[in-house]
Amino acid sequence: MLSTFLWIEIILSALIILLVAVQSKWNGLSIVPTSNDFGKFERRGPEKILHLFTITLISGFVGIAILYYLFSI
């Protein structure tokens, strides 16, 4: 059972690294370069989905890490 948690952690960590690398800072998909809306930043469309999916994966990663710790005691 512990090895299952370990493999899930490895897969989740790789997915989190990939998703964070895909999301670029300061250059959001919702900001059009020709617009004057650089003061406000709102995630929309695919950028919002990526953001929410990243938060979900990180929550799952932390949850599995806690379960791994509790079962290894």
N, C-alpha and C. Protein backbone atom coordinates (compact mmCIF):
# COMPACT_ATOMS: atom_id res chain seq x y z
N MET A 1 0.81 -1.18 0.00
CA MET A 1 0.00 0.00 0.00
C MET A 1 0.87 1.26 0.00
N LEU A 2 1.96 1.23 0.74
CA LEU A 2 2.84 2.39 0.77
C LEU A 2 3.50 2.64 -0.58
N SER A 3 3.79 1.56 -1.30
CA SER A 3 4.40 1.75 -2.61
C SER A 3 3.40 2.38 -3.60
N THR A 4 2.12 2.09 -3.41
CA THR A 4 1.10 2.72 -4.25
C THR A 4 1.06 4.22 -4.00
N PHE A 5 1.10 4.62 -2.72
CA PHE A 5 1.12 6.04 -2.39
C PHE A 5 2.37 6.71 -2.98
N LEU A 6 3.49 6.00 -2.91
CA LEU A 6 4.73 6.56 -3.43
C LEU A 6 4.65 6.79 -4.94
N TRP A 7 4.10 5.83 -5.66
CA TRP A 7 3.97 5.99 -7.12
C TRP A 7 2.98 7.10 -7.49
N ILE A 8 1.91 7.22 -6.71
CA ILE A 8 0.96 8.31 -6.96
C ILE A 8 1.64 9.65 -6.71
N GLU A 9 2.46 9.74 -5.66
CA GLU A 9 3.20 10.97 -5.38
C GLU A 9 4.16 11.33 -6.52
N ILE A 10 4.83 10.34 -7.05
CA ILE A 10 5.78 10.59 -8.15
C ILE A 10 5.04 11.09 -9.39
N ILE A 11 3.93 10.47 -9.71
CA ILE A 11 3.15 10.88 -10.88
C ILE A 11 2.58 12.29 -10.68
N LEU A 12 2.02 12.55 -9.50
CA LEU A 12 1.47 13.87 -9.23
C LEU A 12 2.55 14.95 -9.26
N SER A 13 3.72 14.65 -8.72
CA SER A 13 4.79 15.65 -8.72
C SER A 13 5.24 15.97 -10.14
N ALA A 14 5.32 14.97 -11.01
CA ALA A 14 5.69 15.21 -12.40
C ALA A 14 4.63 16.06 -13.11
N LEU A 15 3.36 15.77 -12.86
CA LEU A 15 2.28 16.55 -13.47
C LEU A 15 2.27 17.99 -12.96
N ILE A 16 2.53 18.18 -11.67
CA ILE A 16 2.57 19.53 -11.11
C ILE A 16 3.72 20.32 -11.72
N ILE A 17 4.88 19.71 -11.84
CA ILE A 17 6.03 20.39 -12.45
C ILE A 17 5.70 20.78 -13.89
N LEU A 18 5.07 19.88 -14.62
CA LEU A 18 4.71 20.17 -16.02
C LEU A 18 3.71 21.32 -16.10
N LEU A 19 2.67 21.30 -15.27
CA LEU A 19 1.66 22.35 -15.32
C LEU A 19 2.21 23.71 -14.89
N VAL A 20 3.07 23.72 -13.89
CA VAL A 20 3.66 24.99 -13.47
C VAL A 20 4.60 25.53 -14.54
N ALA A 21 5.30 24.66 -15.22
CA ALA A 21 6.19 25.10 -16.29
C ALA A 21 5.41 25.65 -17.49
N VAL A 22 4.22 25.12 -17.74
CA VAL A 22 3.41 25.59 -18.86
C VAL A 22 2.84 26.98 -18.58
N GLN A 23 2.52 27.25 -17.32
CA GLN A 23 1.95 28.54 -16.97
C GLN A 23 3.07 29.57 -16.90
N SER A 24 2.97 30.59 -17.74
CA SER A 24 4.01 31.60 -17.75
C SER A 24 3.61 32.77 -16.88
N LYS A 25 4.58 33.31 -16.16
CA LYS A 25 4.31 34.44 -15.29
C LYS A 25 4.47 35.73 -16.07
N TRP A 26 3.64 36.70 -15.80
CA TRP A 26 3.64 38.02 -16.42
C TRP A 26 3.17 38.02 -17.86
N ASN A 27 2.87 36.88 -18.40
CA ASN A 27 2.44 36.83 -19.79
C ASN A 27 1.23 35.91 -19.87
N GLY A 28 0.12 36.36 -19.32
CA GLY A 28 -1.06 35.52 -19.27
C GLY A 28 -1.74 35.41 -20.61
N LEU A 29 -2.52 34.37 -20.77
CA LEU A 29 -3.23 34.16 -22.02
C LEU A 29 -4.39 35.14 -22.18
N SER A 30 -4.85 35.72 -21.05
CA SER A 30 -6.00 36.61 -21.12
C SER A 30 -5.62 38.06 -21.40
N ILE A 31 -4.34 38.40 -21.38
CA ILE A 31 -3.92 39.77 -21.65
C ILE A 31 -3.48 39.87 -23.10
N VAL A 32 -4.17 40.69 -23.84
CA VAL A 32 -3.82 40.92 -25.24
C VAL A 32 -2.72 41.98 -25.27
N PRO A 33 -1.62 41.75 -26.00
CA PRO A 33 -0.51 42.71 -25.98
C PRO A 33 -0.88 44.12 -26.44
N THR A 34 -1.90 44.27 -27.25
CA THR A 34 -2.24 45.59 -27.75
C THR A 34 -3.24 46.31 -26.85
N SER A 35 -3.73 45.67 -25.81
CA SER A 35 -4.72 46.31 -24.94
C SER A 35 -4.02 47.09 -23.83
N ASN A 36 -4.76 47.96 -23.19
CA ASN A 36 -4.23 48.75 -22.08
C ASN A 36 -4.67 48.19 -20.74
N ASP A 37 -4.98 46.93 -20.67
CA ASP A 37 -5.47 46.29 -19.44
C ASP A 37 -4.37 45.57 -18.68
N PHE A 38 -3.16 46.12 -18.69
CA PHE A 38 -2.07 45.44 -18.00
C PHE A 38 -2.14 45.61 -16.49
N GLY A 39 -2.96 46.54 -16.00
CA GLY A 39 -3.08 46.75 -14.57
C GLY A 39 -3.90 45.68 -13.89
N LYS A 40 -4.85 45.11 -14.57
CA LYS A 40 -5.68 44.08 -13.95
C LYS A 40 -5.43 42.75 -14.64
N PHE A 41 -5.49 41.71 -13.86
CA PHE A 41 -5.21 40.38 -14.40
C PHE A 41 -6.31 39.44 -13.98
N GLU A 42 -6.96 38.86 -14.92
CA GLU A 42 -8.04 37.92 -14.68
C GLU A 42 -7.78 36.67 -15.50
N ARG A 43 -7.86 35.52 -14.85
CA ARG A 43 -7.69 34.28 -15.60
C ARG A 43 -9.00 33.91 -16.25
N ARG A 44 -8.93 33.61 -17.53
CA ARG A 44 -10.12 33.22 -18.27
C ARG A 44 -9.80 32.07 -19.20
N GLY A 45 -10.80 31.31 -19.52
CA GLY A 45 -10.66 30.25 -20.51
C GLY A 45 -9.68 29.18 -20.09
N PRO A 46 -8.80 28.79 -21.02
CA PRO A 46 -7.87 27.69 -20.73
C PRO A 46 -6.90 28.01 -19.60
N GLU A 47 -6.56 29.29 -19.43
CA GLU A 47 -5.64 29.66 -18.35
C GLU A 47 -6.28 29.41 -16.98
N LYS A 48 -7.56 29.68 -16.86
CA LYS A 48 -8.27 29.44 -15.60
C LYS A 48 -8.39 27.94 -15.33
N ILE A 49 -8.66 27.17 -16.37
CA ILE A 49 -8.75 25.72 -16.21
C ILE A 49 -7.41 25.14 -15.76
N LEU A 50 -6.31 25.60 -16.37
CA LEU A 50 -4.97 25.15 -15.97
C LEU A 50 -4.70 25.51 -14.51
N HIS A 51 -5.06 26.71 -14.13
CA HIS A 51 -4.84 27.17 -12.76
C HIS A 51 -5.61 26.32 -11.76
N LEU A 52 -6.87 26.08 -12.03
CA LEU A 52 -7.70 25.27 -11.12
C LEU A 52 -7.23 23.81 -11.08
N PHE A 53 -6.81 23.29 -12.22
CA PHE A 53 -6.31 21.92 -12.26
C PHE A 53 -5.00 21.80 -11.47
N THR A 54 -4.16 22.82 -11.54
CA THR A 54 -2.92 22.82 -10.77
C THR A 54 -3.22 22.83 -9.28
N ILE A 55 -4.17 23.65 -8.85
CA ILE A 55 -4.55 23.69 -7.44
C ILE A 55 -5.10 22.34 -7.00
N THR A 56 -5.90 21.71 -7.84
CA THR A 56 -6.45 20.39 -7.51
C THR A 56 -5.35 19.34 -7.36
N LEU A 57 -4.39 19.36 -8.28
CA LEU A 57 -3.28 18.40 -8.19
C LEU A 57 -2.43 18.63 -6.95
N ILE A 58 -2.19 19.88 -6.60
CA ILE A 58 -1.40 20.17 -5.41
C ILE A 58 -2.15 19.73 -4.15
N SER A 59 -3.45 19.93 -4.13
CA SER A 59 -4.25 19.46 -2.99
C SER A 59 -4.19 17.94 -2.87
N GLY A 60 -4.30 17.26 -4.00
CA GLY A 60 -4.18 15.80 -3.99
C GLY A 60 -2.80 15.34 -3.54
N PHE A 61 -1.77 16.05 -3.97
CA PHE A 61 -0.39 15.73 -3.58
C PHE A 61 -0.22 15.83 -2.07
N VAL A 62 -0.72 16.92 -1.49
CA VAL A 62 -0.61 17.11 -0.04
C VAL A 62 -1.43 16.05 0.70
N GLY A 63 -2.62 15.75 0.19
CA GLY A 63 -3.46 14.73 0.82
C GLY A 63 -2.81 13.36 0.81
N ILE A 64 -2.25 12.98 -0.31
CA ILE A 64 -1.57 11.68 -0.41
C ILE A 64 -0.33 11.65 0.47
N ALA A 65 0.39 12.78 0.56
CA ALA A 65 1.57 12.84 1.43
C ALA A 65 1.18 12.65 2.90
N ILE A 66 0.06 13.24 3.30
CA ILE A 66 -0.41 13.06 4.67
C ILE A 66 -0.82 11.60 4.92
N LEU A 67 -1.53 11.02 3.97
CA LEU A 67 -1.90 9.59 4.10
C LEU A 67 -0.67 8.70 4.15
N TYR A 68 0.31 8.99 3.33
CA TYR A 68 1.56 8.21 3.32
C TYR A 68 2.22 8.28 4.68
N TYR A 69 2.25 9.47 5.27
CA TYR A 69 2.84 9.63 6.58
C TYR A 69 2.06 8.86 7.65
N LEU A 70 0.74 8.98 7.61
CA LEU A 70 -0.07 8.33 8.64
C LEU A 70 0.02 6.80 8.56
N PHE A 71 0.08 6.26 7.35
CA PHE A 71 0.17 4.80 7.21
C PHE A 71 1.57 4.27 7.45
N SER A 72 2.58 5.13 7.41
CA SER A 72 3.94 4.66 7.63
C SER A 72 4.34 4.65 9.09
N ILE A 73 3.48 5.18 9.95
CA ILE A 73 3.78 5.18 11.39
C ILE A 73 3.63 3.79 11.97
